[in-house]
N, C-alpha and C. Protein backbone atom coordinates (compact mmCIF):
# COMPACT_ATOMS: atom_id res chain seq x y z
N MET A 1 0.84 -1.18 0.00
CA MET A 1 0.00 0.00 0.00
C MET A 1 0.89 1.24 0.00
N PRO A 2 0.85 2.02 -1.08
CA PRO A 2 1.67 3.25 -1.11
C PRO A 2 1.23 4.23 -0.03
N THR A 3 2.21 4.77 0.69
CA THR A 3 1.94 5.70 1.79
C THR A 3 2.91 6.86 1.71
N LYS A 4 2.42 8.01 2.10
CA LYS A 4 3.24 9.23 2.13
C LYS A 4 2.90 9.96 3.42
N ILE A 5 3.91 10.47 4.12
CA ILE A 5 3.70 11.29 5.32
C ILE A 5 4.22 12.68 5.01
N VAL A 6 3.33 13.66 5.22
CA VAL A 6 3.67 15.05 4.91
C VAL A 6 3.31 15.95 6.08
N PRO A 7 3.96 17.11 6.18
CA PRO A 7 3.55 18.07 7.21
C PRO A 7 2.10 18.50 6.96
N ALA A 8 1.36 18.71 8.02
CA ALA A 8 -0.04 19.15 7.92
C ALA A 8 -0.06 20.65 7.68
N LYS A 9 0.41 21.03 6.51
CA LYS A 9 0.49 22.43 6.11
C LYS A 9 -0.02 22.56 4.68
N ALA A 10 -0.59 23.72 4.39
CA ALA A 10 -1.13 23.97 3.05
C ALA A 10 -0.06 23.74 1.97
N GLU A 11 1.19 24.02 2.31
CA GLU A 11 2.28 23.86 1.34
C GLU A 11 2.46 22.40 0.90
N SER A 12 1.92 21.46 1.65
CA SER A 12 2.06 20.04 1.31
C SER A 12 0.97 19.57 0.35
N LEU A 13 -0.02 20.41 0.09
CA LEU A 13 -1.17 19.99 -0.71
C LEU A 13 -0.77 19.49 -2.10
N ASP A 14 0.08 20.20 -2.80
CA ASP A 14 0.47 19.78 -4.15
C ASP A 14 1.09 18.39 -4.14
N GLU A 15 1.92 18.12 -3.16
CA GLU A 15 2.57 16.80 -3.05
C GLU A 15 1.52 15.70 -2.83
N VAL A 16 0.54 15.99 -1.99
CA VAL A 16 -0.53 15.02 -1.72
C VAL A 16 -1.36 14.78 -2.97
N ILE A 17 -1.73 15.85 -3.66
CA ILE A 17 -2.55 15.72 -4.86
C ILE A 17 -1.80 14.94 -5.95
N GLU A 18 -0.51 15.20 -6.11
CA GLU A 18 0.29 14.45 -7.09
C GLU A 18 0.34 12.97 -6.74
N PHE A 19 0.51 12.66 -5.46
CA PHE A 19 0.56 11.28 -4.98
C PHE A 19 -0.76 10.56 -5.27
N ILE A 20 -1.87 11.18 -4.89
CA ILE A 20 -3.19 10.57 -5.09
C ILE A 20 -3.49 10.42 -6.59
N SER A 21 -3.18 11.46 -7.35
CA SER A 21 -3.45 11.43 -8.80
C SER A 21 -2.69 10.30 -9.48
N ALA A 22 -1.44 10.11 -9.10
CA ALA A 22 -0.64 9.03 -9.69
C ALA A 22 -1.29 7.67 -9.42
N GLN A 23 -1.83 7.50 -8.23
CA GLN A 23 -2.47 6.22 -7.88
C GLN A 23 -3.74 6.03 -8.72
N ALA A 24 -4.55 7.08 -8.84
CA ALA A 24 -5.80 6.99 -9.61
C ALA A 24 -5.51 6.76 -11.09
N GLU A 25 -4.50 7.45 -11.62
CA GLU A 25 -4.14 7.27 -13.03
C GLU A 25 -3.60 5.88 -13.29
N ALA A 26 -2.85 5.33 -12.34
CA ALA A 26 -2.33 3.96 -12.49
C ALA A 26 -3.47 2.94 -12.57
N LEU A 27 -4.60 3.27 -11.94
CA LEU A 27 -5.78 2.40 -11.99
C LEU A 27 -6.66 2.72 -13.20
N GLU A 28 -6.18 3.63 -14.04
CA GLU A 28 -6.86 4.03 -15.27
C GLU A 28 -8.21 4.69 -15.04
N PHE A 29 -8.29 5.51 -13.99
CA PHE A 29 -9.48 6.30 -13.76
C PHE A 29 -9.57 7.36 -14.86
N ALA A 30 -10.78 7.68 -15.28
CA ALA A 30 -10.99 8.72 -16.29
C ALA A 30 -10.53 10.07 -15.74
N PRO A 31 -10.05 10.96 -16.60
CA PRO A 31 -9.58 12.27 -16.12
C PRO A 31 -10.60 13.03 -15.28
N LYS A 32 -11.87 12.96 -15.66
CA LYS A 32 -12.92 13.65 -14.88
C LYS A 32 -13.00 13.08 -13.46
N ARG A 33 -12.89 11.76 -13.37
CA ARG A 33 -12.97 11.12 -12.04
C ARG A 33 -11.73 11.45 -11.22
N VAL A 34 -10.57 11.52 -11.85
CA VAL A 34 -9.35 11.91 -11.14
C VAL A 34 -9.52 13.32 -10.57
N PHE A 35 -10.10 14.20 -11.36
CA PHE A 35 -10.34 15.58 -10.91
C PHE A 35 -11.28 15.59 -9.69
N GLU A 36 -12.34 14.80 -9.73
CA GLU A 36 -13.26 14.73 -8.59
C GLU A 36 -12.55 14.24 -7.33
N ILE A 37 -11.72 13.23 -7.49
CA ILE A 37 -10.95 12.70 -6.37
C ILE A 37 -10.01 13.77 -5.83
N GLN A 38 -9.35 14.49 -6.73
CA GLN A 38 -8.45 15.58 -6.32
C GLN A 38 -9.21 16.61 -5.49
N LEU A 39 -10.40 16.99 -5.92
CA LEU A 39 -11.20 17.97 -5.18
C LEU A 39 -11.53 17.49 -3.77
N ALA A 40 -11.97 16.25 -3.67
CA ALA A 40 -12.33 15.70 -2.37
C ALA A 40 -11.13 15.62 -1.44
N VAL A 41 -10.01 15.14 -1.96
CA VAL A 41 -8.80 15.03 -1.14
C VAL A 41 -8.31 16.41 -0.73
N GLU A 42 -8.38 17.36 -1.65
CA GLU A 42 -7.98 18.73 -1.32
C GLU A 42 -8.81 19.28 -0.17
N GLU A 43 -10.11 19.11 -0.23
CA GLU A 43 -10.98 19.61 0.84
C GLU A 43 -10.64 18.95 2.17
N ALA A 44 -10.47 17.65 2.17
CA ALA A 44 -10.15 16.93 3.40
C ALA A 44 -8.79 17.36 3.95
N PHE A 45 -7.80 17.43 3.07
CA PHE A 45 -6.45 17.77 3.52
C PHE A 45 -6.39 19.20 4.05
N VAL A 46 -7.02 20.14 3.36
CA VAL A 46 -7.01 21.53 3.81
C VAL A 46 -7.68 21.67 5.17
N ASN A 47 -8.75 20.91 5.41
CA ASN A 47 -9.37 20.93 6.74
C ASN A 47 -8.38 20.48 7.81
N ILE A 48 -7.65 19.42 7.52
CA ILE A 48 -6.65 18.93 8.47
C ILE A 48 -5.57 19.99 8.67
N ALA A 49 -5.05 20.52 7.57
CA ALA A 49 -3.97 21.51 7.65
C ALA A 49 -4.39 22.75 8.43
N ASN A 50 -5.63 23.17 8.27
CA ASN A 50 -6.09 24.39 8.92
C ASN A 50 -6.56 24.22 10.35
N TYR A 51 -7.06 23.03 10.71
CA TYR A 51 -7.72 22.90 12.01
C TYR A 51 -7.22 21.80 12.94
N ALA A 52 -6.53 20.80 12.44
CA ALA A 52 -6.16 19.66 13.28
C ALA A 52 -5.13 20.00 14.34
N TYR A 53 -4.21 20.88 14.01
CA TYR A 53 -3.10 21.18 14.91
C TYR A 53 -3.04 22.68 15.20
N PRO A 54 -3.96 23.21 16.00
CA PRO A 54 -4.00 24.66 16.20
C PRO A 54 -2.80 25.22 16.97
N ASP A 55 -2.21 24.42 17.85
CA ASP A 55 -1.14 24.92 18.73
C ASP A 55 0.22 24.28 18.49
N LYS A 56 0.31 23.45 17.46
CA LYS A 56 1.59 22.76 17.21
C LYS A 56 1.64 22.30 15.77
N ASP A 57 2.81 21.89 15.35
CA ASP A 57 2.97 21.31 14.02
C ASP A 57 2.59 19.84 14.08
N GLY A 58 2.11 19.33 12.98
CA GLY A 58 1.75 17.92 12.94
C GLY A 58 1.94 17.38 11.53
N SER A 59 1.56 16.14 11.35
CA SER A 59 1.72 15.51 10.05
C SER A 59 0.44 14.78 9.67
N VAL A 60 0.39 14.40 8.40
CA VAL A 60 -0.72 13.63 7.86
C VAL A 60 -0.13 12.45 7.11
N GLU A 61 -0.63 11.28 7.40
CA GLU A 61 -0.25 10.08 6.66
C GLU A 61 -1.33 9.83 5.62
N VAL A 62 -0.92 9.75 4.38
CA VAL A 62 -1.84 9.53 3.27
C VAL A 62 -1.49 8.19 2.63
N SER A 63 -2.48 7.32 2.52
CA SER A 63 -2.21 6.03 1.88
C SER A 63 -3.31 5.71 0.88
N CYS A 64 -2.96 4.88 -0.08
CA CYS A 64 -3.88 4.46 -1.13
C CYS A 64 -3.81 2.95 -1.28
N GLU A 65 -4.95 2.37 -1.58
CA GLU A 65 -5.01 0.96 -1.92
C GLU A 65 -6.26 0.73 -2.77
N THR A 66 -6.37 -0.45 -3.33
CA THR A 66 -7.58 -0.80 -4.06
C THR A 66 -8.37 -1.77 -3.21
N ASP A 67 -9.66 -1.81 -3.47
CA ASP A 67 -10.54 -2.64 -2.64
C ASP A 67 -10.91 -3.97 -3.27
N GLY A 68 -10.28 -4.34 -4.36
CA GLY A 68 -10.60 -5.61 -5.00
C GLY A 68 -11.65 -5.46 -6.09
N ARG A 69 -12.39 -4.36 -6.10
CA ARG A 69 -13.38 -4.09 -7.14
C ARG A 69 -12.90 -2.98 -8.06
N GLY A 70 -11.64 -2.57 -7.87
CA GLY A 70 -11.08 -1.51 -8.70
C GLY A 70 -11.28 -0.12 -8.14
N ALA A 71 -11.88 0.00 -6.96
CA ALA A 71 -12.05 1.31 -6.34
C ALA A 71 -10.75 1.73 -5.67
N LEU A 72 -10.53 3.03 -5.62
CA LEU A 72 -9.37 3.60 -4.95
C LEU A 72 -9.79 3.98 -3.53
N VAL A 73 -9.08 3.45 -2.55
CA VAL A 73 -9.37 3.73 -1.14
C VAL A 73 -8.23 4.59 -0.61
N ILE A 74 -8.57 5.82 -0.23
CA ILE A 74 -7.60 6.80 0.25
C ILE A 74 -7.83 6.99 1.74
N THR A 75 -6.78 6.87 2.53
CA THR A 75 -6.89 7.06 3.97
C THR A 75 -5.98 8.20 4.38
N LEU A 76 -6.55 9.14 5.15
CA LEU A 76 -5.79 10.25 5.72
C LEU A 76 -5.83 10.09 7.23
N ILE A 77 -4.65 10.05 7.84
CA ILE A 77 -4.55 9.85 9.29
C ILE A 77 -3.76 11.01 9.89
N ASP A 78 -4.33 11.62 10.94
CA ASP A 78 -3.61 12.67 11.65
C ASP A 78 -3.82 12.48 13.14
N SER A 79 -2.91 13.06 13.91
CA SER A 79 -2.98 12.98 15.38
C SER A 79 -3.49 14.27 15.99
N GLY A 80 -4.19 15.07 15.20
CA GLY A 80 -4.69 16.35 15.66
C GLY A 80 -5.97 16.23 16.46
N LEU A 81 -6.64 17.38 16.63
CA LEU A 81 -7.90 17.42 17.35
C LEU A 81 -8.91 16.49 16.70
N ALA A 82 -9.71 15.84 17.51
CA ALA A 82 -10.74 14.96 16.98
C ALA A 82 -11.74 15.76 16.16
N PHE A 83 -12.03 15.27 14.96
CA PHE A 83 -13.04 15.92 14.12
C PHE A 83 -13.64 14.89 13.18
N ASP A 84 -14.91 14.60 13.42
CA ASP A 84 -15.64 13.68 12.57
C ASP A 84 -16.42 14.49 11.55
N LEU A 85 -15.91 14.60 10.34
CA LEU A 85 -16.58 15.42 9.34
C LEU A 85 -17.96 14.89 8.99
N LEU A 86 -18.19 13.61 9.24
CA LEU A 86 -19.51 13.05 8.95
C LEU A 86 -20.58 13.57 9.90
N SER A 87 -20.17 14.06 11.06
CA SER A 87 -21.14 14.59 12.02
C SER A 87 -21.44 16.06 11.79
N ALA A 88 -20.70 16.70 10.90
CA ALA A 88 -20.93 18.12 10.61
C ALA A 88 -22.27 18.27 9.89
N SER A 89 -23.00 19.32 10.25
CA SER A 89 -24.30 19.52 9.63
C SER A 89 -24.14 19.94 8.18
N ALA A 90 -25.07 19.51 7.38
CA ALA A 90 -25.04 19.83 5.95
C ALA A 90 -25.39 21.29 5.75
N PRO A 91 -24.77 21.92 4.77
CA PRO A 91 -25.10 23.32 4.49
C PRO A 91 -26.51 23.44 3.93
N THR A 92 -27.13 24.57 4.17
CA THR A 92 -28.45 24.84 3.61
C THR A 92 -28.25 25.47 2.25
N LEU A 93 -28.37 24.67 1.23
CA LEU A 93 -28.07 25.14 -0.12
C LEU A 93 -29.19 26.00 -0.71
N GLU A 94 -30.37 25.94 -0.10
CA GLU A 94 -31.50 26.72 -0.61
C GLU A 94 -31.39 28.19 -0.24
N ASP A 95 -30.68 28.51 0.84
CA ASP A 95 -30.56 29.90 1.27
C ASP A 95 -29.72 30.70 0.29
N ASP A 96 -29.97 32.00 0.26
CA ASP A 96 -29.15 32.91 -0.52
C ASP A 96 -27.71 32.83 -0.02
N VAL A 97 -26.75 32.94 -0.92
CA VAL A 97 -25.34 32.82 -0.55
C VAL A 97 -25.00 33.77 0.60
N SER A 98 -25.52 34.96 0.58
CA SER A 98 -25.20 35.95 1.62
C SER A 98 -25.80 35.58 2.97
N GLN A 99 -26.78 34.67 2.98
CA GLN A 99 -27.44 34.27 4.23
C GLN A 99 -26.88 32.98 4.81
N ARG A 100 -26.08 32.26 4.04
CA ARG A 100 -25.55 30.97 4.50
C ARG A 100 -24.46 31.16 5.54
N GLU A 101 -24.38 30.17 6.43
CA GLU A 101 -23.28 30.16 7.38
C GLU A 101 -22.02 29.73 6.63
N VAL A 102 -20.88 30.24 7.08
CA VAL A 102 -19.61 29.89 6.45
C VAL A 102 -19.27 28.45 6.80
N GLY A 103 -18.74 27.73 5.84
CA GLY A 103 -18.28 26.36 6.07
C GLY A 103 -19.31 25.33 5.67
N GLY A 104 -18.83 24.10 5.58
CA GLY A 104 -19.71 22.97 5.30
C GLY A 104 -19.78 22.56 3.84
N LEU A 105 -19.48 23.47 2.93
CA LEU A 105 -19.57 23.12 1.51
C LEU A 105 -18.51 22.10 1.10
N GLY A 106 -17.32 22.21 1.68
CA GLY A 106 -16.26 21.25 1.36
C GLY A 106 -16.63 19.85 1.78
N ILE A 107 -17.21 19.72 2.96
CA ILE A 107 -17.65 18.41 3.46
C ILE A 107 -18.76 17.87 2.58
N PHE A 108 -19.69 18.75 2.20
CA PHE A 108 -20.77 18.37 1.28
C PHE A 108 -20.19 17.83 -0.02
N LEU A 109 -19.19 18.52 -0.56
CA LEU A 109 -18.55 18.11 -1.80
C LEU A 109 -17.89 16.74 -1.65
N ILE A 110 -17.17 16.54 -0.57
CA ILE A 110 -16.51 15.25 -0.33
C ILE A 110 -17.53 14.12 -0.36
N LYS A 111 -18.63 14.30 0.37
CA LYS A 111 -19.66 13.26 0.43
C LYS A 111 -20.32 13.04 -0.92
N LYS A 112 -20.42 14.10 -1.71
CA LYS A 112 -21.09 14.02 -3.00
C LYS A 112 -20.25 13.27 -4.05
N VAL A 113 -18.95 13.52 -4.10
CA VAL A 113 -18.14 12.94 -5.17
C VAL A 113 -17.50 11.60 -4.82
N MET A 114 -17.41 11.28 -3.55
CA MET A 114 -16.84 9.99 -3.17
C MET A 114 -17.95 8.96 -3.03
N ASP A 115 -17.64 7.70 -3.31
CA ASP A 115 -18.65 6.65 -3.20
C ASP A 115 -18.89 6.26 -1.74
N ASP A 116 -17.87 6.42 -0.92
CA ASP A 116 -18.02 6.12 0.50
C ASP A 116 -17.05 6.98 1.28
N VAL A 117 -17.49 7.45 2.43
CA VAL A 117 -16.66 8.25 3.33
C VAL A 117 -16.88 7.70 4.73
N SER A 118 -15.79 7.37 5.40
CA SER A 118 -15.92 6.89 6.78
C SER A 118 -14.88 7.57 7.67
N TYR A 119 -15.22 7.67 8.93
CA TYR A 119 -14.33 8.30 9.92
C TYR A 119 -14.34 7.46 11.18
N LYS A 120 -13.17 7.38 11.79
CA LYS A 120 -13.10 6.79 13.14
C LYS A 120 -11.96 7.46 13.88
N ARG A 121 -12.08 7.50 15.18
CA ARG A 121 -11.01 7.99 16.05
C ARG A 121 -10.40 6.74 16.65
N LEU A 122 -9.13 6.52 16.37
CA LEU A 122 -8.47 5.28 16.77
C LEU A 122 -7.13 5.60 17.40
N ASP A 123 -6.95 5.23 18.65
CA ASP A 123 -5.68 5.45 19.35
C ASP A 123 -5.21 6.90 19.27
N GLY A 124 -6.15 7.84 19.49
CA GLY A 124 -5.82 9.25 19.48
C GLY A 124 -5.58 9.84 18.10
N LYS A 125 -6.02 9.12 17.07
CA LYS A 125 -5.82 9.60 15.70
C LYS A 125 -7.15 9.67 14.95
N ASN A 126 -7.25 10.67 14.07
CA ASN A 126 -8.37 10.75 13.13
C ASN A 126 -8.03 9.90 11.94
N VAL A 127 -8.95 9.02 11.56
CA VAL A 127 -8.75 8.15 10.40
C VAL A 127 -9.92 8.40 9.46
N LEU A 128 -9.64 9.10 8.38
CA LEU A 128 -10.66 9.42 7.37
C LEU A 128 -10.39 8.58 6.14
N THR A 129 -11.40 7.84 5.72
CA THR A 129 -11.25 6.97 4.56
C THR A 129 -12.23 7.42 3.47
N LEU A 130 -11.67 7.66 2.28
CA LEU A 130 -12.45 8.10 1.14
C LEU A 130 -12.34 7.02 0.05
N THR A 131 -13.46 6.55 -0.44
CA THR A 131 -13.46 5.50 -1.46
C THR A 131 -14.08 6.04 -2.74
N ALA A 132 -13.36 5.86 -3.82
CA ALA A 132 -13.82 6.33 -5.14
C ALA A 132 -13.81 5.18 -6.12
N GLY A 133 -14.98 4.87 -6.64
CA GLY A 133 -15.09 3.87 -7.70
C GLY A 133 -14.83 4.50 -9.05
N GLN A 134 -14.76 3.68 -10.07
CA GLN A 134 -14.47 4.16 -11.42
C GLN A 134 -15.59 5.03 -11.98
N ARG A 135 -16.81 4.71 -11.68
CA ARG A 135 -18.03 5.38 -12.20
C ARG A 135 -18.12 5.24 -13.66
């Protein structure tokens, strides 16, 4: 299982996206699907980089594997503050943009473009798993 550990900083995003993209392309995902995966991973990683380690530096372990059906399973693990993105309330998309609360759209996007999203807190770590099928 290919794995990469990077600092939990916005500057690491390009490296993470390149790593994930290479895995998806190796599985012959269509360019549109690779782009969707990139968007979801970017949203998840930026949330970790911005909020997981408010008082210290930290890292993110990113790994990829296939699930036997050709889906790409991406796992992001950090030791930052506990945050279950699945418990975050969905944004109210019907409201006027100026009336909406800030935040939540990235999580909505992740759930929309990935086939499965799971979260668990394990041994003091956030474990976010994103699964993308070929579609």
